[in-house]
Every structure is written in structure tokens, then in C-alpha cells.
Amino acid sequence: MSISINTVFVPYSIDLQERKPVQLDVEVINRYNAPKKVNLELIASSQIGFNKTLSSSEKFELGLIKTGENKIVKLDVIPRNFAAKGEERIAIIATEITVEETGYSYPSKKFRKIVGVKLR
């Protein structure tokens, strides 16, 4: 049992001449038999950024995900002004948060996935 991370780029690659953003859909699915609290972090390489601010990282608190439930996060991936042709990587880290009865919470497991987006 684990947390599953699925990704989709729409369209598949970034055309550097048009400089149009690509939409990244990140789907997080709880495959455990119990509900889990999950945080999501995305870290981009130096030639791309997220949303209009071109930030290199984004963090999301997805909250409690029930068994079999999925949560989807949508982001725009935009090339920076100095971007060159090639493939750039995005690291996706889903962190399972354990909450104790006393209210104390701590990260217990991390699930990682690295995806690439093509700059052409």
C-alpha cells in the first residue's frame, strides 16, 4: 500500500518560440486501507517555473485523503526567458503526515516521482 502519483502534461511539450504555458496535472491517490493526510511539493529545474510568478517550487496541503480517493492539482509550467531546447525535470514529492491522538503530527513517509517536460 502506498500513495500513488500520476502526471499529465497538456500539451506534451513547450514551444519556446510561442512561450505558451503547459498545464501540468498531478493526481495523488491514496492506496492505503485507511485515510491519510498528505502534503505535496513540486520542485522545478532552473529553466522553467510554475504559474505566472515563475517560482521554482510550490507546496500544497492536500489534507485528509480517504481510501481510493484522489486529489488533483493543476499548475502552469512556463519557460524562463533564457530557456534552451532540451528536457527539463520536475520533482514531485508527496509526504504522508501521521497525526497522533495528542494532536502532534510529523512526516512519516515520502513518495517521489521525477517527470520531464520537453522544451522545443
PDB file of N, CA and C in Angstrom:
ATOM      1  N   MET A   1       0.835  -1.174   0.000  1.00  0.00           N
ATOM      2  CA  MET A   1       0.000   0.000   0.000  1.00  0.00           C
ATOM      3  C   MET A   1       0.886   1.245   0.000  1.00  0.00           C
ATOM      4  N   SER A   2       0.407   2.256  -0.694  1.00  0.00           N
ATOM      5  CA  SER A   2       1.201   3.466  -0.781  1.00  0.00           C
ATOM      6  C   SER A   2       0.356   4.628  -1.302  1.00  0.00           C
ATOM      7  N   ILE A   3       1.032   5.729  -1.536  1.00  0.00           N
ATOM      8  CA  ILE A   3       0.451   6.891  -2.182  1.00  0.00           C
ATOM      9  C   ILE A   3       0.905   6.851  -3.632  1.00  0.00           C
ATOM     10  N   SER A   4      -0.018   6.964  -4.568  1.00  0.00           N
ATOM     11  CA  SER A   4       0.296   6.905  -5.993  1.00  0.00           C
ATOM     12  C   SER A   4       0.284   8.318  -6.573  1.00  0.00           C
ATOM     13  N   ILE A   5       1.273   8.610  -7.432  1.00  0.00           N
ATOM     14  CA  ILE A   5       1.378   9.921  -8.079  1.00  0.00           C
ATOM     15  C   ILE A   5       1.318   9.718  -9.593  1.00  0.00           C
ATOM     16  N   ASN A   6       0.347  10.344 -10.253  1.00  0.00           N
ATOM     17  CA  ASN A   6       0.217  10.295 -11.708  1.00  0.00           C
ATOM     18  C   ASN A   6       0.288  11.716 -12.252  1.00  0.00           C
ATOM     19  N   THR A   7       0.898  11.875 -13.442  1.00  0.00           N
ATOM     20  CA  THR A   7       1.034  13.205 -14.033  1.00  0.00           C
ATOM     21  C   THR A   7       0.625  13.191 -15.493  1.00  0.00           C
ATOM     22  N   VAL A   8       0.151  14.355 -15.968  1.00  0.00           N
ATOM     23  CA  VAL A   8      -0.203  14.547 -17.372  1.00  0.00           C
ATOM     24  C   VAL A   8       0.186  15.965 -17.759  1.00  0.00           C
ATOM     25  N   PHE A   9       0.869  16.114 -18.903  1.00  0.00           N
ATOM     26  CA  PHE A   9       1.166  17.426 -19.476  1.00  0.00           C
ATOM     27  C   PHE A   9       0.219  17.671 -20.646  1.00  0.00           C
ATOM     28  N   VAL A  10      -0.402  18.861 -20.703  1.00  0.00           N
ATOM     29  CA  VAL A  10      -1.283  19.223 -21.810  1.00  0.00           C
ATOM     30  C   VAL A  10      -0.862  20.583 -22.315  1.00  0.00           C
ATOM     31  N   PRO A  11      -0.357  20.756 -23.514  1.00  0.00           N
ATOM     32  CA  PRO A  11       0.156  19.747 -24.440  1.00  0.00           C
ATOM     33  C   PRO A  11       1.439  19.122 -23.898  1.00  0.00           C
ATOM     34  N   TYR A  12       1.961  18.166 -24.642  1.00  0.00           N
ATOM     35  CA  TYR A  12       3.074  17.346 -24.161  1.00  0.00           C
ATOM     36  C   TYR A  12       4.375  18.126 -24.001  1.00  0.00           C
ATOM     37  N   SER A  13       4.616  19.148 -24.844  1.00  0.00           N
ATOM     38  CA  SER A  13       5.890  19.874 -24.786  1.00  0.00           C
ATOM     39  C   SER A  13       5.666  21.382 -24.890  1.00  0.00           C
ATOM     40  N   ILE A  14       6.729  22.139 -24.575  1.00  0.00           N
ATOM     41  CA  ILE A  14       6.681  23.603 -24.611  1.00  0.00           C
ATOM     42  C   ILE A  14       7.378  24.091 -25.877  1.00  0.00           C
ATOM     43  N   ASP A  15       6.690  24.914 -26.645  1.00  0.00           N
ATOM     44  CA  ASP A  15       7.289  25.527 -27.822  1.00  0.00           C
ATOM     45  C   ASP A  15       7.936  26.839 -27.375  1.00  0.00           C
ATOM     46  N   LEU A  16       9.263  26.922 -27.475  1.00  0.00           N
ATOM     47  CA  LEU A  16       9.988  28.095 -26.980  1.00  0.00           C
ATOM     48  C   LEU A  16       9.725  29.347 -27.800  1.00  0.00           C
ATOM     49  N   GLN A  17       9.331  29.200 -29.054  1.00  0.00           N
ATOM     50  CA  GLN A  17       9.042  30.376 -29.874  1.00  0.00           C
ATOM     51  C   GLN A  17       7.726  31.033 -29.464  1.00  0.00           C
ATOM     52  N   GLU A  18       6.748  30.229 -29.091  1.00  0.00           N
ATOM     53  CA  GLU A  18       5.450  30.778 -28.698  1.00  0.00           C
ATOM     54  C   GLU A  18       5.410  31.169 -27.220  1.00  0.00           C
ATOM     55  N   ARG A  19       6.218  30.514 -26.378  1.00  0.00           N
ATOM     56  CA  ARG A  19       6.286  30.777 -24.936  1.00  0.00           C
ATOM     57  C   ARG A  19       4.937  30.594 -24.242  1.00  0.00           C
ATOM     58  N   LYS A  20       4.124  29.684 -24.752  1.00  0.00           N
ATOM     59  CA  LYS A  20       2.848  29.393 -24.102  1.00  0.00           C
ATOM     60  C   LYS A  20       3.065  28.380 -22.988  1.00  0.00           C
ATOM     61  N   PRO A  21       2.335  28.530 -21.880  1.00  0.00           N
ATOM     62  CA  PRO A  21       2.499  27.576 -20.778  1.00  0.00           C
ATOM     63  C   PRO A  21       1.914  26.207 -21.102  1.00  0.00           C
ATOM     64  N   VAL A  22       2.424  25.207 -20.408  1.00  0.00           N
ATOM     65  CA  VAL A  22       1.917  23.841 -20.488  1.00  0.00           C
ATOM     66  C   VAL A  22       1.236  23.556 -19.164  1.00  0.00           C
ATOM     67  N   GLN A  23       0.072  22.939 -19.199  1.00  0.00           N
ATOM     68  CA  GLN A  23      -0.633  22.608 -17.959  1.00  0.00           C
ATOM     69  C   GLN A  23      -0.150  21.260 -17.452  1.00  0.00           C
ATOM     70  N   LEU A  24       0.232  21.229 -16.176  1.00  0.00           N
ATOM     71  CA  LEU A  24       0.650  20.001 -15.508  1.00  0.00           C
ATOM     72  C   LEU A  24      -0.438  19.605 -14.522  1.00  0.00           C
ATOM     73  N   ASP A  25      -1.003  18.412 -14.711  1.00  0.00           N
ATOM     74  CA  ASP A  25      -1.989  17.862 -13.782  1.00  0.00           C
ATOM     75  C   ASP A  25      -1.307  16.793 -12.949  1.00  0.00           C
ATOM     76  N   VAL A  26      -1.316  16.957 -11.629  1.00  0.00           N
ATOM     77  CA  VAL A  26      -0.724  15.984 -10.708  1.00  0.00           C
ATOM     78  C   VAL A  26      -1.874  15.355  -9.919  1.00  0.00           C
ATOM     79  N   GLU A  27      -2.014  14.041 -10.039  1.00  0.00           N
ATOM     80  CA  GLU A  27      -3.060  13.310  -9.345  1.00  0.00           C
ATOM     81  C   GLU A  27      -2.422  12.478  -8.235  1.00  0.00           C
ATOM     82  N   VAL A  28      -2.913  12.637  -7.015  1.00  0.00           N
ATOM     83  CA  VAL A  28      -2.416  11.892  -5.860  1.00  0.00           C
ATOM     84  C   VAL A  28      -3.546  10.973  -5.392  1.00  0.00           C
ATOM     85  N   ILE A  29      -3.254   9.658  -5.329  1.00  0.00           N
ATOM     86  CA  ILE A  29      -4.259   8.661  -4.960  1.00  0.00           C
ATOM     87  C   ILE A  29      -3.800   7.935  -3.701  1.00  0.00           C
ATOM     88  N   ASN A  30      -4.721   7.759  -2.751  1.00  0.00           N
ATOM     89  CA  ASN A  30      -4.447   7.020  -1.524  1.00  0.00           C
ATOM     90  C   ASN A  30      -4.736   5.541  -1.769  1.00  0.00           C
ATOM     91  N   ARG A  31      -3.705   4.705  -1.741  1.00  0.00           N
ATOM     92  CA  ARG A  31      -3.859   3.270  -1.935  1.00  0.00           C
ATOM     93  C   ARG A  31      -3.855   2.494  -0.605  1.00  0.00           C
ATOM     94  N   TYR A  32      -3.793   3.211   0.512  1.00  0.00           N
ATOM     95  CA  TYR A  32      -3.829   2.578   1.828  1.00  0.00           C
ATOM     96  C   TYR A  32      -5.256   2.153   2.175  1.00  0.00           C
ATOM     97  N   ASN A  33      -5.396   1.327   3.215  1.00  0.00           N
ATOM     98  CA  ASN A  33      -6.706   0.906   3.698  1.00  0.00           C
ATOM     99  C   ASN A  33      -7.300   1.893   4.695  1.00  0.00           C
ATOM    100  N   ALA A  34      -6.581   2.957   5.000  1.00  0.00           N
ATOM    101  CA  ALA A  34      -7.039   3.967   5.954  1.00  0.00           C
ATOM    102  C   ALA A  34      -6.819   5.361   5.369  1.00  0.00           C
ATOM    103  N   PRO A  35      -7.582   6.342   5.813  1.00  0.00           N
ATOM    104  CA  PRO A  35      -7.357   7.721   5.348  1.00  0.00           C
ATOM    105  C   PRO A  35      -5.978   8.220   5.760  1.00  0.00           C
ATOM    106  N   LYS A  36      -5.364   9.031   4.905  1.00  0.00           N
ATOM    107  CA  LYS A  36      -4.035   9.585   5.177  1.00  0.00           C
ATOM    108  C   LYS A  36      -4.028  11.079   4.889  1.00  0.00           C
ATOM    109  N   LYS A  37      -3.289  11.817   5.703  1.00  0.00           N
ATOM    110  CA  LYS A  37      -3.075  13.236   5.463  1.00  0.00           C
ATOM    111  C   LYS A  37      -1.829  13.377   4.597  1.00  0.00           C
ATOM    112  N   VAL A  38      -1.924  14.173   3.516  1.00  0.00           N
ATOM    113  CA  VAL A  38      -0.831  14.251   2.541  1.00  0.00           C
ATOM    114  C   VAL A  38      -0.519  15.708   2.208  1.00  0.00           C
ATOM    115  N   ASN A  39       0.770  16.017   2.128  1.00  0.00           N
ATOM    116  CA  ASN A  39       1.263  17.289   1.615  1.00  0.00           C
ATOM    117  C   ASN A  39       1.984  17.015   0.306  1.00  0.00           C
ATOM    118  N   LEU A  40       1.948  17.977  -0.606  1.00  0.00           N
ATOM    119  CA  LEU A  40       2.553  17.814  -1.930  1.00  0.00           C
ATOM    120  C   LEU A  40       3.512  18.962  -2.194  1.00  0.00           C
ATOM    121  N   GLU A  41       4.700  18.634  -2.713  1.00  0.00           N
ATOM    122  CA  GLU A  41       5.691  19.648  -3.057  1.00  0.00           C
ATOM    123  C   GLU A  41       6.203  19.371  -4.462  1.00  0.00           C
ATOM    124  N   LEU A  42       6.298  20.423  -5.273  1.00  0.00           N
ATOM    125  CA  LEU A  42       6.827  20.318  -6.631  1.00  0.00           C
ATOM    126  C   LEU A  42       8.030  21.242  -6.748  1.00  0.00           C
ATOM    127  N   ILE A  43       9.122  20.715  -7.317  1.00  0.00           N
ATOM    128  CA  ILE A  43      10.354  21.485  -7.465  1.00  0.00           C
ATOM    129  C   ILE A  43      10.777  21.409  -8.935  1.00  0.00           C
ATOM    130  N   ALA A  44      10.919  22.568  -9.569  1.00  0.00           N
ATOM    131  CA  ALA A  44      11.269  22.638 -10.990  1.00  0.00           C
ATOM    132  C   ALA A  44      12.754  22.918 -11.169  1.00  0.00           C
ATOM    133  N   SER A  45      13.265  22.544 -12.339  1.00  0.00           N
ATOM    134  CA  SER A  45      14.661  22.844 -12.664  1.00  0.00           C
ATOM    135  C   SER A  45      14.803  24.336 -12.970  1.00  0.00           C
ATOM    136  N   SER A  46      16.008  24.782 -13.236  1.00  0.00           N
ATOM    137  CA  SER A  46      16.303  26.215 -13.333  1.00  0.00           C
ATOM    138  C   SER A  46      15.728  26.910 -14.564  1.00  0.00           C
ATOM    139  N   GLN A  47      15.365  26.178 -15.611  1.00  0.00           N
ATOM    140  CA  GLN A  47      14.914  26.817 -16.847  1.00  0.00           C
ATOM    141  C   GLN A  47      13.400  26.944 -16.967  1.00  0.00           C
ATOM    142  N   ILE A  48      12.669  26.416 -15.989  1.00  0.00           N
ATOM    143  CA  ILE A  48      11.215  26.516 -16.020  1.00  0.00           C
ATOM    144  C   ILE A  48      10.701  26.972 -14.660  1.00  0.00           C
ATOM    145  N   GLY A  49       9.460  27.430 -14.630  1.00  0.00           N
ATOM    146  CA  GLY A  49       8.851  27.863 -13.381  1.00  0.00           C
ATOM    147  C   GLY A  49       7.361  27.556 -13.385  1.00  0.00           C
ATOM    148  N   PHE A  50       6.732  27.752 -12.237  1.00  0.00           N
ATOM    149  CA  PHE A  50       5.313  27.458 -12.099  1.00  0.00           C
ATOM    150  C   PHE A  50       4.497  28.743 -12.084  1.00  0.00           C
ATOM    151  N   ASN A  51       3.323  28.676 -12.681  1.00  0.00           N
ATOM    152  CA  ASN A  51       2.344  29.765 -12.711  1.00  0.00           C
ATOM    153  C   ASN A  51       2.966  31.060 -13.223  1.00  0.00           C
ATOM    154  N   LYS A  52       2.337  32.168 -13.019  1.00  0.00           N
ATOM    155  CA  LYS A  52       2.824  33.427 -13.587  1.00  0.00           C
ATOM    156  C   LYS A  52       4.021  34.006 -12.854  1.00  0.00           C
ATOM    157  N   THR A  53       4.252  33.589 -11.627  1.00  0.00           N
ATOM    158  CA  THR A  53       5.370  34.118 -10.844  1.00  0.00           C
ATOM    159  C   THR A  53       6.689  33.454 -11.196  1.00  0.00           C
ATOM    160  N   LEU A  54       6.649  32.353 -11.949  1.00  0.00           N
ATOM    161  CA  LEU A  54       7.837  31.576 -12.329  1.00  0.00           C
ATOM    162  C   LEU A  54       8.594  31.069 -11.105  1.00  0.00           C
ATOM    163  N   SER A  55       7.883  30.788 -10.034  1.00  0.00           N
ATOM    164  CA  SER A  55       8.535  30.245  -8.841  1.00  0.00           C
ATOM    165  C   SER A  55       9.050  28.840  -9.142  1.00  0.00           C
ATOM    166  N   SER A  56      10.165  28.479  -8.523  1.00  0.00           N
ATOM    167  CA  SER A  56      10.776  27.181  -8.805  1.00  0.00           C
ATOM    168  C   SER A  56      10.209  26.063  -7.938  1.00  0.00           C
ATOM    169  N   SER A  57       9.388  26.407  -6.934  1.00  0.00           N
ATOM    170  CA  SER A  57       8.778  25.361  -6.114  1.00  0.00           C
ATOM    171  C   SER A  57       7.384  25.792  -5.667  1.00  0.00           C
ATOM    172  N   GLU A  58       6.542  24.799  -5.469  1.00  0.00           N
ATOM    173  CA  GLU A  58       5.175  25.019  -4.995  1.00  0.00           C
ATOM    174  C   GLU A  58       4.869  23.974  -3.938  1.00  0.00           C
ATOM    175  N   LYS A  59       4.123  24.368  -2.897  1.00  0.00           N
ATOM    176  CA  LYS A  59       3.727  23.437  -1.842  1.00  0.00           C
ATOM    177  C   LYS A  59       2.214  23.499  -1.676  1.00  0.00           C
ATOM    178  N   PHE A  60       1.616  22.323  -1.450  1.00  0.00           N
ATOM    179  CA  PHE A  60       0.178  22.212  -1.262  1.00  0.00           C
ATOM    180  C   PHE A  60      -0.117  21.293  -0.088  1.00  0.00           C
ATOM    181  N   GLU A  61      -1.089  21.665   0.730  1.00  0.00           N
ATOM    182  CA  GLU A  61      -1.590  20.773   1.773  1.00  0.00           C
ATOM    183  C   GLU A  61      -2.877  20.163   1.224  1.00  0.00           C
ATOM    184  N   LEU A  62      -2.831  18.886   0.884  1.00  0.00           N
ATOM    185  CA  LEU A  62      -3.991  18.225   0.305  1.00  0.00           C
ATOM    186  C   LEU A  62      -4.986  17.796   1.363  1.00  0.00           C
ATOM    187  N   GLY A  63      -4.557  17.737   2.599  1.00  0.00           N
ATOM    188  CA  GLY A  63      -5.442  17.359   3.687  1.00  0.00           C
ATOM    189  C   GLY A  63      -5.643  15.859   3.758  1.00  0.00           C
ATOM    190  N   LEU A  64      -6.742  15.461   4.342  1.00  0.00           N
ATOM    191  CA  LEU A  64      -7.049  14.049   4.555  1.00  0.00           C
ATOM    192  C   LEU A  64      -7.617  13.447   3.268  1.00  0.00           C
ATOM    193  N   ILE A  65      -6.989  12.387   2.789  1.00  0.00           N
ATOM    194  CA  ILE A  65      -7.458  11.688   1.584  1.00  0.00           C
ATOM    195  C   ILE A  65      -7.961  10.321   2.008  1.00  0.00           C
ATOM    196  N   LYS A  66      -9.204  10.024   1.684  1.00  0.00           N
ATOM    197  CA  LYS A  66      -9.805   8.746   2.045  1.00  0.00           C
ATOM    198  C   LYS A  66      -9.249   7.622   1.172  1.00  0.00           C
ATOM    199  N   THR A  67      -9.506   6.387   1.542  1.00  0.00           N
ATOM    200  CA  THR A  67      -9.045   5.227   0.786  1.00  0.00           C
ATOM    201  C   THR A  67      -9.631   5.247  -0.621  1.00  0.00           C
ATOM    202  N   GLY A  68      -8.772   5.150  -1.628  1.00  0.00           N
ATOM    203  CA  GLY A  68      -9.202   5.132  -3.020  1.00  0.00           C
ATOM    204  C   GLY A  68      -9.535   6.498  -3.591  1.00  0.00           C
ATOM    205  N   GLU A  69      -9.550   7.523  -2.765  1.00  0.00           N
ATOM    206  CA  GLU A  69      -9.867   8.872  -3.236  1.00  0.00           C
ATOM    207  C   GLU A  69      -8.643   9.482  -3.906  1.00  0.00           C
ATOM    208  N   ASN A  70      -8.888  10.404  -4.825  1.00  0.00           N
ATOM    209  CA  ASN A  70      -7.781  11.095  -5.474  1.00  0.00           C
ATOM    210  C   ASN A  70      -7.993  12.601  -5.386  1.00  0.00           C
ATOM    211  N   LYS A  71      -6.876  13.318  -5.374  1.00  0.00           N
ATOM    212  CA  LYS A  71      -6.884  14.787  -5.395  1.00  0.00           C
ATOM    213  C   LYS A  71      -6.031  15.210  -6.579  1.00  0.00           C
ATOM    214  N   ILE A  72      -6.493  16.228  -7.299  1.00  0.00           N
ATOM    215  CA  ILE A  72      -5.773  16.702  -8.482  1.00  0.00           C
ATOM    216  C   ILE A  72      -5.349  18.151  -8.267  1.00  0.00           C
ATOM    217  N   VAL A  73      -4.076  18.418  -8.583  1.00  0.00           N
ATOM    218  CA  VAL A  73      -3.518  19.766  -8.525  1.00  0.00           C
ATOM    219  C   VAL A  73      -3.132  20.143  -9.952  1.00  0.00           C
ATOM    220  N   LYS A  74      -3.554  21.339 -10.390  1.00  0.00           N
ATOM    221  CA  LYS A  74      -3.246  21.806 -11.747  1.00  0.00           C
ATOM    222  C   LYS A  74      -2.346  23.029 -11.662  1.00  0.00           C
ATOM    223  N   LEU A  75      -1.260  22.990 -12.427  1.00  0.00           N
ATOM    224  CA  LEU A  75      -0.293  24.090 -12.460  1.00  0.00           C
ATOM    225  C   LEU A  75       0.079  24.405 -13.901  1.00  0.00           C
ATOM    226  N   ASP A  76       0.477  25.640 -14.142  1.00  0.00           N
ATOM    227  CA  ASP A  76       1.045  26.007 -15.432  1.00  0.00           C
ATOM    228  C   ASP A  76       2.560  25.945 -15.321  1.00  0.00           C
ATOM    229  N   VAL A  77       3.192  25.321 -16.306  1.00  0.00           N
ATOM    230  CA  VAL A  77       4.652  25.265 -16.382  1.00  0.00           C
ATOM    231  C   VAL A  77       5.067  26.213 -17.506  1.00  0.00           C
ATOM    232  N   ILE A  78       5.897  27.208 -17.157  1.00  0.00           N
ATOM    233  CA  ILE A  78       6.272  28.268 -18.094  1.00  0.00           C
ATOM    234  C   ILE A  78       7.789  28.298 -18.228  1.00  0.00           C
ATOM    235  N   PRO A  79       8.303  28.428 -19.467  1.00  0.00           N
ATOM    236  CA  PRO A  79       9.758  28.541 -19.627  1.00  0.00           C
ATOM    237  C   PRO A  79      10.241  29.933 -19.221  1.00  0.00           C
ATOM    238  N   ARG A  80      11.430  29.979 -18.660  1.00  0.00           N
ATOM    239  CA  ARG A  80      12.040  31.275 -18.333  1.00  0.00           C
ATOM    240  C   ARG A  80      12.582  31.903 -19.617  1.00  0.00           C
ATOM    241  N   ASN A  81      12.956  33.181 -19.553  1.00  0.00           N
ATOM    242  CA  ASN A  81      13.408  33.897 -20.744  1.00  0.00           C
ATOM    243  C   ASN A  81      14.671  33.311 -21.351  1.00  0.00           C
ATOM    244  N   PHE A  82      15.540  32.724 -20.549  1.00  0.00           N
ATOM    245  CA  PHE A  82      16.816  32.196 -21.035  1.00  0.00           C
ATOM    246  C   PHE A  82      16.771  30.693 -21.320  1.00  0.00           C
ATOM    247  N   ALA A  83      15.585  30.085 -21.345  1.00  0.00           N
ATOM    248  CA  ALA A  83      15.460  28.633 -21.514  1.00  0.00           C
ATOM    249  C   ALA A  83      15.982  28.188 -22.878  1.00  0.00           C
ATOM    250  N   ALA A  84      16.650  27.033 -22.889  1.00  0.00           N
ATOM    251  CA  ALA A  84      17.180  26.448 -24.114  1.00  0.00           C
ATOM    252  C   ALA A  84      16.461  25.130 -24.394  1.00  0.00           C
ATOM    253  N   LYS A  85      16.596  24.655 -25.621  1.00  0.00           N
ATOM    254  CA  LYS A  85      15.953  23.399 -26.008  1.00  0.00           C
ATOM    255  C   LYS A  85      16.522  22.239 -25.200  1.00  0.00           C
ATOM    256  N   GLY A  86      15.671  21.251 -24.965  1.00  0.00           N
ATOM    257  CA  GLY A  86      16.083  20.078 -24.209  1.00  0.00           C
ATOM    258  C   GLY A  86      14.955  19.606 -23.307  1.00  0.00           C
ATOM    259  N   GLU A  87      15.306  18.755 -22.358  1.00  0.00           N
ATOM    260  CA  GLU A  87      14.305  18.252 -21.421  1.00  0.00           C
ATOM    261  C   GLU A  87      14.616  18.773 -20.024  1.00  0.00           C
ATOM    262  N   GLU A  88      13.607  19.317 -19.369  1.00  0.00           N
ATOM    263  CA  GLU A  88      13.741  19.823 -18.011  1.00  0.00           C
ATOM    264  C   GLU A  88      12.934  18.931 -17.074  1.00  0.00           C
ATOM    265  N   ARG A  89      13.406  18.796 -15.839  1.00  0.00           N
ATOM    266  CA  ARG A  89      12.780  17.878 -14.900  1.00  0.00           C
ATOM    267  C   ARG A  89      12.042  18.602 -13.790  1.00  0.00           C
ATOM    268  N   ILE A  90      10.998  17.923 -13.316  1.00  0.00           N
ATOM    269  CA  ILE A  90      10.211  18.401 -12.195  1.00  0.00           C
ATOM    270  C   ILE A  90      10.137  17.266 -11.173  1.00  0.00           C
ATOM    271  N   ALA A  91      10.535  17.560  -9.947  1.00  0.00           N
ATOM    272  CA  ALA A  91      10.453  16.571  -8.866  1.00  0.00           C
ATOM    273  C   ALA A  91       9.133  16.777  -8.123  1.00  0.00           C
ATOM    274  N   ILE A  92       8.425  15.676  -7.918  1.00  0.00           N
ATOM    275  CA  ILE A  92       7.152  15.704  -7.196  1.00  0.00           C
ATOM    276  C   ILE A  92       7.315  14.852  -5.947  1.00  0.00           C
ATOM    277  N   ILE A  93       7.056  15.442  -4.785  1.00  0.00           N
ATOM    278  CA  ILE A  93       7.227  14.741  -3.514  1.00  0.00           C
ATOM    279  C   ILE A  93       5.909  14.797  -2.744  1.00  0.00           C
ATOM    280  N   ALA A  94       5.321  13.625  -2.511  1.00  0.00           N
ATOM    281  CA  ALA A  94       4.117  13.518  -1.689  1.00  0.00           C
ATOM    282  C   ALA A  94       4.548  13.000  -0.321  1.00  0.00           C
ATOM    283  N   THR A  95       4.243  13.749   0.718  1.00  0.00           N
ATOM    284  CA  THR A  95       4.644  13.393   2.072  1.00  0.00           C
ATOM    285  C   THR A  95       3.427  12.975   2.877  1.00  0.00           C
ATOM    286  N   GLU A  96       3.481  11.764   3.413  1.00  0.00           N
ATOM    287  CA  GLU A  96       2.413  11.266   4.279  1.00  0.00           C
ATOM    288  C   GLU A  96       2.644  11.818   5.685  1.00  0.00           C
ATOM    289  N   ILE A  97       1.629  12.436   6.251  1.00  0.00           N
ATOM    290  CA  ILE A  97       1.718  13.030   7.575  1.00  0.00           C
ATOM    291  C   ILE A  97       0.962  12.148   8.569  1.00  0.00           C
ATOM    292  N   THR A  98       1.630  11.739   9.629  1.00  0.00           N
ATOM    293  CA  THR A  98       0.990  10.955  10.679  1.00  0.00           C
ATOM    294  C   THR A  98       0.547  11.897  11.787  1.00  0.00           C
ATOM    295  N   VAL A  99      -0.720  11.782  12.170  1.00  0.00           N
ATOM    296  CA  VAL A  99      -1.276  12.616  13.232  1.00  0.00           C
ATOM    297  C   VAL A  99      -1.582  11.718  14.428  1.00  0.00           C
ATOM    298  N   GLU A 100      -0.981  12.037  15.564  1.00  0.00           N
ATOM    299  CA  GLU A 100      -1.206  11.243  16.781  1.00  0.00           C
ATOM    300  C   GLU A 100      -2.442  11.747  17.514  1.00  0.00           C
ATOM    301  N   GLU A 101      -2.923  10.972  18.461  1.00  0.00           N
ATOM    302  CA  GLU A 101      -4.115  11.340  19.230  1.00  0.00           C
ATOM    303  C   GLU A 101      -3.915  12.617  20.032  1.00  0.00           C
ATOM    304  N   THR A 102      -2.682  12.915  20.396  1.00  0.00           N
ATOM    305  CA  THR A 102      -2.388  14.120  21.164  1.00  0.00           C
ATOM    306  C   THR A 102      -2.418  15.378  20.305  1.00  0.00           C
ATOM    307  N   GLY A 103      -2.532  15.197  18.991  1.00  0.00           N
ATOM    308  CA  GLY A 103      -2.530  16.339  18.085  1.00  0.00           C
ATOM    309  C   GLY A 103      -1.179  16.591  17.441  1.00  0.00           C
ATOM    310  N   TYR A 104      -0.160  15.881  17.893  1.00  0.00           N
ATOM    311  CA  TYR A 104       1.185  16.029  17.336  1.00  0.00           C
ATOM    312  C   TYR A 104       1.223  15.372  15.958  1.00  0.00           C
ATOM    313  N   SER A 105       1.745  16.070  14.963  1.00  0.00           N
ATOM    314  CA  SER A 105       1.847  15.495  13.623  1.00  0.00           C
ATOM    315  C   SER A 105       3.288  15.571  13.135  1.00  0.00           C
ATOM    316  N   TYR A 106       3.678  14.600  12.331  1.00  0.00           N
ATOM    317  CA  TYR A 106       5.036  14.539  11.806  1.00  0.00           C
ATOM    318  C   TYR A 106       5.024  13.800  10.467  1.00  0.00           C
ATOM    319  N   PRO A 107       5.977  14.132   9.566  1.00  0.00           N
ATOM    320  CA  PRO A 107       6.059  13.416   8.296  1.00  0.00           C
ATOM    321  C   PRO A 107       6.577  12.000   8.527  1.00  0.00           C
ATOM    322  N   SER A 108       5.887  11.008   7.970  1.00  0.00           N
ATOM    323  CA  SER A 108       6.312   9.629   8.205  1.00  0.00           C
ATOM    324  C   SER A 108       6.894   8.963   6.960  1.00  0.00           C
ATOM    325  N   LYS A 109       6.334   9.212   5.779  1.00  0.00           N
ATOM    326  CA  LYS A 109       6.864   8.615   4.553  1.00  0.00           C
ATOM    327  C   LYS A 109       6.821   9.633   3.434  1.00  0.00           C
ATOM    328  N   LYS A 110       7.798   9.510   2.516  1.00  0.00           N
ATOM    329  CA  LYS A 110       7.824  10.368   1.335  1.00  0.00           C
ATOM    330  C   LYS A 110       7.792   9.494   0.091  1.00  0.00           C
ATOM    331  N   PHE A 111       6.989   9.920  -0.864  1.00  0.00           N
ATOM    332  CA  PHE A 111       6.893   9.236  -2.147  1.00  0.00           C
ATOM    333  C   PHE A 111       7.332  10.236  -3.209  1.00  0.00           C
ATOM    334  N   ARG A 112       8.302   9.829  -4.056  1.00  0.00           N
ATOM    335  CA  ARG A 112       8.897  10.747  -5.034  1.00  0.00           C
ATOM    336  C   ARG A 112       8.661  10.270  -6.455  1.00  0.00           C
ATOM    337  N   LYS A 113       8.528  11.251  -7.350  1.00  0.00           N
ATOM    338  CA  LYS A 113       8.431  10.964  -8.778  1.00  0.00           C
ATOM    339  C   LYS A 113       9.086  12.125  -9.516  1.00  0.00           C
ATOM    340  N   ILE A 114       9.873  11.800 -10.544  1.00  0.00           N
ATOM    341  CA  ILE A 114      10.514  12.828 -11.361  1.00  0.00           C
ATOM    342  C   ILE A 114       9.949  12.702 -12.769  1.00  0.00           C
ATOM    343  N   VAL A 115       9.438  13.820 -13.289  1.00  0.00           N
ATOM    344  CA  VAL A 115       8.885  13.850 -14.640  1.00  0.00           C
ATOM    345  C   VAL A 115       9.657  14.869 -15.456  1.00  0.00           C
ATOM    346  N   GLY A 116       9.662  14.678 -16.761  1.00  0.00           N
ATOM    347  CA  GLY A 116      10.362  15.587 -17.651  1.00  0.00           C
ATOM    348  C   GLY A 116       9.415  16.242 -18.628  1.00  0.00           C
ATOM    349  N   VAL A 117       9.666  17.508 -18.910  1.00  0.00           N
ATOM    350  CA  VAL A 117       8.912  18.227 -19.928  1.00  0.00           C
ATOM    351  C   VAL A 117       9.901  18.672 -21.005  1.00  0.00           C
ATOM    352  N   LYS A 118       9.514  18.483 -22.239  1.00  0.00           N
ATOM    353  CA  LYS A 118      10.408  18.775 -23.365  1.00  0.00           C
ATOM    354  C   LYS A 118      10.251  20.221 -23.806  1.00  0.00           C
ATOM    355  N   LEU A 119      11.365  20.924 -23.942  1.00  0.00           N
ATOM    356  CA  LEU A 119      11.399  22.282 -24.496  1.00  0.00           C
ATOM    357  C   LEU A 119      11.879  22.171 -25.925  1.00  0.00           C
ATOM    358  N   ARG A 120      11.080  22.660 -26.854  1.00  0.00           N
ATOM    359  CA  ARG A 120      11.473  22.544 -28.270  1.00  0.00           C
ATOM    360  C   ARG A 120      11.352  23.878 -28.974  1.00  0.00           C
TER     361      ARG A 120
END
